[in-house]
C-alpha atoms as a PDB file:
ATOM      1  CA  MET A   1      76.204 111.188 105.766  1.00  0.00           C
ATOM      2  CA  GLY A   2      73.230 109.743 107.266  1.00  0.00           C
ATOM      3  CA  GLY A   3      71.507 112.705 106.774  1.00  0.00           C
ATOM      4  CA  VAL A   4      72.918 113.726 103.094  1.00  0.00           C
ATOM      5  CA  LEU A   5      71.173 110.019 102.135  1.00  0.00           C
ATOM      6  CA  VAL A   6      67.751 111.327 103.618  1.00  0.00           C
ATOM      7  CA  THR A   7      68.169 114.546 102.021  1.00  0.00           C
ATOM      8  CA  ILE A   8      68.707 112.805  98.799  1.00  0.00           C
ATOM      9  CA  GLY A   9      66.161 110.767  99.351  1.00  0.00           C
ATOM     10  CA  LEU A  10      63.471 113.305  99.625  1.00  0.00           C
ATOM     11  CA  THR A  11      64.135 115.503  96.523  1.00  0.00           C
ATOM     12  CA  LEU A  12      64.254 112.736  94.854  1.00  0.00           C
ATOM     13  CA  ALA A  13      61.110 111.548  95.921  1.00  0.00           C
ATOM     14  CA  GLY A  14      59.934 115.657  96.344  1.00  0.00           C
ATOM     15  CA  VAL A  15      61.074 115.552  92.813  1.00  0.00           C
ATOM     16  CA  ALA A  16      58.954 112.877  91.095  1.00  0.00           C
ATOM     17  CA  GLY A  17      55.965 113.455  93.101  1.00  0.00           C
ATOM     18  CA  GLY A  18      55.966 117.156  92.877  1.00  0.00           C
ATOM     19  CA  LEU A  19      55.473 116.515  88.604  1.00  0.00           C
ATOM     20  CA  VAL A  20      53.658 113.715  88.577  1.00  0.00           C
ATOM     21  CA  LEU A  21      51.202 116.003  90.670  1.00  0.00           C
ATOM     22  CA  GLY A  22      52.757 119.362  88.893  1.00  0.00           C
ATOM     23  CA  MET A  23      51.468 118.084  85.379  1.00  0.00           C
ATOM     24  CA  ILE A  24      47.968 116.958  86.524  1.00  0.00           C
ATOM     25  CA  ILE A  25      47.393 120.711  88.294  1.00  0.00           C
ATOM     26  CA  ALA A  26      49.315 122.398  85.192  1.00  0.00           C
ATOM     27  CA  LEU A  27      46.310 120.409  82.353  1.00  0.00           C
ATOM     28  CA  MET A  28      43.551 121.519  85.233  1.00  0.00           C
ATOM     29  CA  ARG A  29      45.167 124.811  84.894  1.00  0.00           C
ATOM     30  CA  MET A  30      44.648 124.736  81.019  1.00  0.00           C
ATOM     31  CA  SER A  31      41.331 123.448  81.008  1.00  0.00           C
ATOM     32  CA  GLU A  32      37.925 124.911  79.793  1.00  0.00           C
ATOM     33  CA  ASN A  33      35.859 123.258  82.775  1.00  0.00           C
ATOM     34  CA  ARG A  34      35.417 125.759  84.981  1.00  0.00           C
ATOM     35  CA  ALA A  35      35.240 123.747  88.055  1.00  0.00           C
ATOM     36  CA  LEU A  36      38.731 122.021  87.398  1.00  0.00           C
ATOM     37  CA  TYR A  37      40.387 125.769  86.471  1.00  0.00           C
ATOM     38  CA  GLY A  38      39.074 126.313  89.301  1.00  0.00           C
ATOM     39  CA  PHE A  39      40.655 124.142  91.810  1.00  0.00           C
ATOM     40  CA  ALA A  40      43.878 124.430  90.181  1.00  0.00           C
ATOM     41  CA  ARG A  41      43.522 128.345  90.324  1.00  0.00           C
ATOM     42  CA  VAL A  42      43.067 128.268  94.400  1.00  0.00           C
ATOM     43  CA  TYR A  43      45.751 124.820  94.445  1.00  0.00           C
ATOM     44  CA  ILE A  44      48.418 127.208  93.075  1.00  0.00           C
ATOM     45  CA  TRP A  45      47.476 130.208  95.168  1.00  0.00           C
ATOM     46  CA  PHE A  46      47.425 127.812  98.381  1.00  0.00           C
ATOM     47  CA  PHE A  47      50.396 126.353  98.476  1.00  0.00           C
ATOM     48  CA  ARG A  48      52.527 129.040  97.133  1.00  0.00           C
ATOM     49  CA  GLY A  49      50.803 131.519  99.235  1.00  0.00           C
ATOM     50  CA  THR A  50      51.923 129.515 102.713  1.00  0.00           C
ATOM     51  CA  PRO A  51      55.164 128.998 103.662  1.00  0.00           C
ATOM     52  CA  LEU A  52      56.122 125.077 103.675  1.00  0.00           C
ATOM     53  CA  LEU A  53      57.505 125.218 107.145  1.00  0.00           C
ATOM     54  CA  ILE A  54      53.470 125.763 108.074  1.00  0.00           C
ATOM     55  CA  GLN A  55      52.644 123.391 105.873  1.00  0.00           C
ATOM     56  CA  LEU A  56      54.648 120.798 107.494  1.00  0.00           C
ATOM     57  CA  VAL A  57      54.408 121.551 111.049  1.00  0.00           C
ATOM     58  CA  VAL A  58      49.997 121.461 109.679  1.00  0.00           C
ATOM     59  CA  ILE A  59      50.095 117.660 107.745  1.00  0.00           C
ATOM     60  CA  TYR A  60      52.273 116.976 110.801  1.00  0.00           C
ATOM     61  CA  THR A  61      49.865 117.186 113.380  1.00  0.00           C
ATOM     62  CA  GLY A  62      47.111 118.013 111.517  1.00  0.00           C
ATOM     63  CA  LEU A  63      46.400 114.562 109.987  1.00  0.00           C
ATOM     64  CA  PRO A  64      46.823 111.971 113.138  1.00  0.00           C
ATOM     65  CA  GLN A  65      44.085 114.223 114.515  1.00  0.00           C
ATOM     66  CA  LEU A  66      41.808 113.018 111.345  1.00  0.00           C
ATOM     67  CA  GLY A  67      43.351 109.522 111.635  1.00  0.00           C
ATOM     68  CA  ILE A  68      45.645 109.840 109.001  1.00  0.00           C
ATOM     69  CA  LYS A  69      48.991 108.828 110.463  1.00  0.00           C
ATOM     70  CA  LEU A  70      52.070 109.541 108.375  1.00  0.00           C
ATOM     71  CA  GLY A  71      55.365 109.408 111.269  1.00  0.00           C
ATOM     72  CA  VAL A  72      57.906 111.751 110.031  1.00  0.00           C
ATOM     73  CA  VAL A  73      59.030 110.978 106.764  1.00  0.00           C
ATOM     74  CA  GLY A  74      56.201 110.364 105.393  1.00  0.00           C
ATOM     75  CA  SER A  75      54.377 113.845 106.206  1.00  0.00           C
ATOM     76  CA  ALA A  76      57.271 115.576 104.980  1.00  0.00           C
ATOM     77  CA  LEU A  77      57.183 113.694 101.367  1.00  0.00           C
ATOM     78  CA  VAL A  78      53.543 114.709 101.530  1.00  0.00           C
ATOM     79  CA  GLY A  79      54.630 118.681 102.322  1.00  0.00           C
ATOM     80  CA  LEU A  80      57.228 118.577 100.126  1.00  0.00           C
ATOM     81  CA  ILE A  81      55.608 117.466  97.237  1.00  0.00           C
ATOM     82  CA  LEU A  82      52.299 119.604  97.873  1.00  0.00           C
ATOM     83  CA  HIS A  83      54.645 122.288  98.395  1.00  0.00           C
ATOM     84  CA  GLU A  84      56.887 121.671  94.995  1.00  0.00           C
ATOM     85  CA  ALA A  85      53.880 120.402  92.445  1.00  0.00           C
ATOM     86  CA  SER A  86      52.005 124.288  92.995  1.00  0.00           C
ATOM     87  CA  TYR A  87      55.496 125.684  91.621  1.00  0.00           C
ATOM     88  CA  LEU A  88      56.378 123.340  88.573  1.00  0.00           C
ATOM     89  CA  ALA A  89      52.410 122.819  87.918  1.00  0.00           C
ATOM     90  CA  GLU A  90      53.029 127.118  86.763  1.00  0.00           C
ATOM     91  CA  ILE A  91      56.447 125.722  85.534  1.00  0.00           C
ATOM     92  CA  ILE A  92      54.949 123.091  83.595  1.00  0.00           C
ATOM     93  CA  ARG A  93      51.831 125.470  81.998  1.00  0.00           C
ATOM     94  CA  SER A  94      54.177 128.155  80.793  1.00  0.00           C
ATOM     95  CA  GLY A  95      56.273 125.697  79.093  1.00  0.00           C
ATOM     96  CA  PHE A  96      53.707 124.543  77.028  1.00  0.00           C
ATOM     97  CA  MET A  97      52.047 127.953  76.126  1.00  0.00           C
ATOM     98  CA  SER A  98      55.748 129.092  75.231  1.00  0.00           C
ATOM     99  CA  VAL A  99      54.677 126.287  72.135  1.00  0.00           C
ATOM    100  CA  GLN A 100      53.180 127.761  69.143  1.00  0.00           C
ATOM    101  CA  HIS A 101      49.846 127.329  69.107  1.00  0.00           C
ATOM    102  CA  GLY A 102      49.920 126.996  64.883  1.00  0.00           C
ATOM    103  CA  GLN A 103      51.720 123.486  65.480  1.00  0.00           C
ATOM    104  CA  ARG A 104      49.403 122.861  67.425  1.00  0.00           C
ATOM    105  CA  GLU A 105      46.705 123.467  64.266  1.00  0.00           C
ATOM    106  CA  ALA A 106      48.564 122.093  61.427  1.00  0.00           C
ATOM    107  CA  ALA A 107      48.515 118.312  63.197  1.00  0.00           C
ATOM    108  CA  LEU A 108      45.010 118.605  63.766  1.00  0.00           C
ATOM    109  CA  ALA A 109      44.520 119.978  60.673  1.00  0.00           C
ATOM    110  CA  LEU A 110      46.919 116.280  59.302  1.00  0.00           C
ATOM    111  CA  SER A 111      44.155 114.571  61.655  1.00  0.00           C
ATOM    112  CA  VAL A 112      46.798 113.821  64.246  1.00  0.00           C
ATOM    113  CA  PRO A 113      45.677 112.087  67.035  1.00  0.00           C
ATOM    114  CA  LYS A 114      45.859 114.611  70.284  1.00  0.00           C
ATOM    115  CA  ARG A 115      47.494 112.326  72.285  1.00  0.00           C
ATOM    116  CA  THR A 116      49.905 111.916  69.712  1.00  0.00           C
ATOM    117  CA  ILE A 117      50.319 115.623  69.492  1.00  0.00           C
ATOM    118  CA  PHE A 118      50.672 116.013  72.939  1.00  0.00           C
ATOM    119  CA  TRP A 119      53.272 114.117  73.320  1.00  0.00           C
ATOM    120  CA  ARG A 120      55.379 114.295  70.139  1.00  0.00           C
ATOM    121  CA  VAL A 121      54.525 117.757  69.096  1.00  0.00           C
ATOM    122  CA  MET A 122      54.085 119.660  72.447  1.00  0.00           C
ATOM    123  CA  LEU A 123      56.033 118.088  75.270  1.00  0.00           C
ATOM    124  CA  PRO A 124      59.015 117.472  73.918  1.00  0.00           C
ATOM    125  CA  GLN A 125      59.802 121.589  72.362  1.00  0.00           C
ATOM    126  CA  ALA A 126      57.826 122.193  76.058  1.00  0.00           C
ATOM    127  CA  PHE A 127      60.502 120.509  77.897  1.00  0.00           C
ATOM    128  CA  ARG A 128      63.274 121.689  76.635  1.00  0.00           C
ATOM    129  CA  LEU A 129      62.223 125.074  77.901  1.00  0.00           C
ATOM    130  CA  MET A 130      61.169 124.025  80.996  1.00  0.00           C
ATOM    131  CA  ILE A 131      64.788 122.484  81.893  1.00  0.00           C
ATOM    132  CA  PRO A 132      65.957 126.123  83.269  1.00  0.00           C
ATOM    133  CA  PRO A 133      63.244 127.015  85.684  1.00  0.00           C
ATOM    134  CA  PHE A 134      63.214 123.075  86.579  1.00  0.00           C
ATOM    135  CA  GLY A 135      66.235 123.257  87.601  1.00  0.00           C
ATOM    136  CA  ASN A 136      65.895 126.044  89.676  1.00  0.00           C
ATOM    137  CA  SER A 137      63.118 124.655  91.161  1.00  0.00           C
ATOM    138  CA  VAL A 138      64.991 121.158  92.247  1.00  0.00           C
ATOM    139  CA  ASN A 139      67.529 123.296  93.470  1.00  0.00           C
ATOM    140  CA  SER A 140      65.286 125.571  95.405  1.00  0.00           C
ATOM    141  CA  LEU A 141      63.630 121.838  96.733  1.00  0.00           C
ATOM    142  CA  LEU A 142      67.199 120.283  98.050  1.00  0.00           C
ATOM    143  CA  LYS A 143      67.759 123.183 100.392  1.00  0.00           C
ATOM    144  CA  ALA A 144      64.000 123.957 101.141  1.00  0.00           C
ATOM    145  CA  THR A 145      64.248 120.370 102.315  1.00  0.00           C
ATOM    146  CA  SER A 146      66.261 121.193 105.610  1.00  0.00           C
ATOM    147  CA  LEU A 147      62.745 122.625 106.477  1.00  0.00           C
ATOM    148  CA  ALA A 148      61.629 118.946 107.426  1.00  0.00           C
ATOM    149  CA  SER A 149      64.105 119.440 110.905  1.00  0.00           C
ATOM    150  CA  VAL A 150      61.568 120.940 112.488  1.00  0.00           C
ATOM    151  CA  ILE A 151      59.365 117.919 112.346  1.00  0.00           C
ATOM    152  CA  SER A 152      62.346 115.708 113.760  1.00  0.00           C
ATOM    153  CA  VAL A 153      63.438 114.086 110.118  1.00  0.00           C
ATOM    154  CA  GLU A 154      67.306 113.938 110.142  1.00  0.00           C
ATOM    155  CA  GLU A 155      68.093 115.062 107.468  1.00  0.00           C
ATOM    156  CA  ILE A 156      71.603 117.224 107.341  1.00  0.00           C
ATOM    157  CA  MET A 157      70.317 119.799 109.104  1.00  0.00           C
ATOM    158  CA  ARG A 158      68.715 117.908 112.038  1.00  0.00           C
ATOM    159  CA  ARG A 159      72.082 115.832 111.928  1.00  0.00           C
ATOM    160  CA  SER A 160      73.715 118.964 112.247  1.00  0.00           C
ATOM    161  CA  ASP A 161      72.016 119.609 115.415  1.00  0.00           C
ATOM    162  CA  MET A 162      72.291 116.366 116.934  1.00  0.00           C
ATOM    163  CA  LEU A 163      76.120 116.682 116.303  1.00  0.00           C
ATOM    164  CA  MET A 164      75.988 120.264 117.503  1.00  0.00           C
ATOM    165  CA  GLN A 165      74.427 119.286 120.914  1.00  0.00           C
ATOM    166  CA  GLU A 166      76.697 116.992 121.378  1.00  0.00           C
ATOM    167  CA  HIS A 167      80.324 118.793 120.821  1.00  0.00           C
ATOM    168  CA  PHE A 168      79.130 122.083 121.393  1.00  0.00           C
ATOM    169  CA  GLN A 169      80.977 123.110 118.069  1.00  0.00           C
ATOM    170  CA  ILE A 170      78.295 125.107 116.523  1.00  0.00           C
ATOM    171  CA  LEU A 171      80.853 126.882 113.040  1.00  0.00           C
ATOM    172  CA  GLU A 172      82.190 123.081 112.227  1.00  0.00           C
ATOM    173  CA  VAL A 173      79.070 121.779 112.038  1.00  0.00           C
ATOM    174  CA  TYR A 174      77.126 124.364 110.222  1.00  0.00           C
ATOM    175  CA  ALA A 175      79.961 124.765 107.951  1.00  0.00           C
ATOM    176  CA  ALA A 176      80.409 120.970 107.192  1.00  0.00           C
ATOM    177  CA  ALA A 177      76.468 121.389 106.393  1.00  0.00           C
ATOM    178  CA  ALA A 178      76.858 123.967 103.880  1.00  0.00           C
ATOM    179  CA  VAL A 179      79.178 122.067 102.075  1.00  0.00           C
ATOM    180  CA  TYR A 180      77.796 118.871 101.513  1.00  0.00           C
ATOM    181  CA  TYR A 181      74.725 121.676 100.238  1.00  0.00           C
ATOM    182  CA  LEU A 182      76.930 123.239  98.029  1.00  0.00           C
ATOM    183  CA  LEU A 183      77.796 119.438  97.056  1.00  0.00           C
ATOM    184  CA  LEU A 184      74.711 118.779  96.155  1.00  0.00           C
ATOM    185  CA  VAL A 185      74.137 122.056  94.543  1.00  0.00           C
ATOM    186  CA  SER A 186      76.910 121.818  92.022  1.00  0.00           C
ATOM    187  CA  ILE A 187      76.225 118.293  91.542  1.00  0.00           C
ATOM    188  CA  TRP A 188      72.840 119.302  90.098  1.00  0.00           C
ATOM    189  CA  ASP A 189      73.971 121.568  88.202  1.00  0.00           C
ATOM    190  CA  LEU A 190      76.104 119.545  86.147  1.00  0.00           C
ATOM    191  CA  VAL A 191      73.146 117.124  85.501  1.00  0.00           C
ATOM    192  CA  GLN A 192      70.821 120.320  84.441  1.00  0.00           C
ATOM    193  CA  GLN A 193      73.474 121.391  82.037  1.00  0.00           C
ATOM    194  CA  ARG A 194      73.781 117.573  80.380  1.00  0.00           C
ATOM    195  CA  LEU A 195      70.090 117.926  79.817  1.00  0.00           C
ATOM    196  CA  GLU A 196      70.014 121.190  78.428  1.00  0.00           C
ATOM    197  CA  HIS A 197      72.416 119.930  75.538  1.00  0.00           C
ATOM    198  CA  HIS A 198      71.334 116.712  75.094  1.00  0.00           C
ATOM    199  CA  PHE A 199      67.687 118.163  74.405  1.00  0.00           C
ATOM    200  CA  GLY A 200      68.623 121.113  72.399  1.00  0.00           C
ATOM    201  CA  ARG A 201      70.770 118.609  70.068  1.00  0.00           C
ATOM    202  CA  ALA A 202      67.740 116.341  69.957  1.00  0.00           C
ATOM    203  CA  LEU A 203      65.610 119.465  68.680  1.00  0.00           C
ATOM    204  CA  ASP A 204      68.209 120.922  66.852  1.00  0.00           C
ATOM    205  CA  ARG A 205      68.147 117.514  65.186  1.00  0.00           C
ATOM    206  CA  ASN A 206      64.970 117.325  64.735  1.00  0.00           C
ATOM    207  CA  ALA A 207      64.065 120.825  63.761  1.00  0.00           C
ATOM    208  CA  LYS A 208      66.556 120.774  60.377  1.00  0.00           C
ATOM    209  CA  PRO A 209      64.568 120.769  57.166  1.00  0.00           C
ATOM    210  CA  ILE A 210      64.480 118.393  55.035  1.00  0.00           C
ATOM    211  CA  PRO A 211      66.385 118.902  51.287  1.00  0.00           C
ATOM    212  CA  ALA A 212      64.767 119.598  48.609  1.00  0.00           C
ATOM    213  CA  LYS A 213      65.301 116.598  45.789  1.00  0.00           C
ATOM    214  CA  ARG A 214      66.868 117.744  41.873  1.00  0.00           C
ATOM    215  CA  HIS A 215      64.880 116.857  39.357  1.00  0.00           C
END
């Protein structure tokens, strides 16, 4: 159970940090500034193109040589957040691109501030479209936390390896680990369904036409 709690903590922190950084990278990716756009393209290309395992090992062994000591948990969090942000950035960008461009133009024509357009017009609709791919990304991240065992983070797989070496019960230990992963994924599936249902109803209410007044 100690390993389960660590896995949940890594997942939640990875998703939270990945969302914040992913939003920044997505906005840079959509920017008209060529430097910001280029940086975002290279960032996404690098972190999506290299295995998470290599990223974790490089961060854990490379940063101390630069005088930055994070420890095993800190290194795992940095690696997971950087990796997850590269995927969430593309999910966020695709969500915004799916919103009809005419709605932004209509809001600008009505002199609505750009900040209000972003938060009240674009983001709610984009988020609804982002929920299914976002849910898949969280699901993948939850299982990807198992790679943190390579740098000795005591999550589910690391604890399983320790128990296996102590009791020499390979099948039983890994079967128990698989059950824990299935339970966590099933719980997240329920949360995702609630999110889809909630935001779907909210947007449907907002999309209802205003009844015409009788004269």
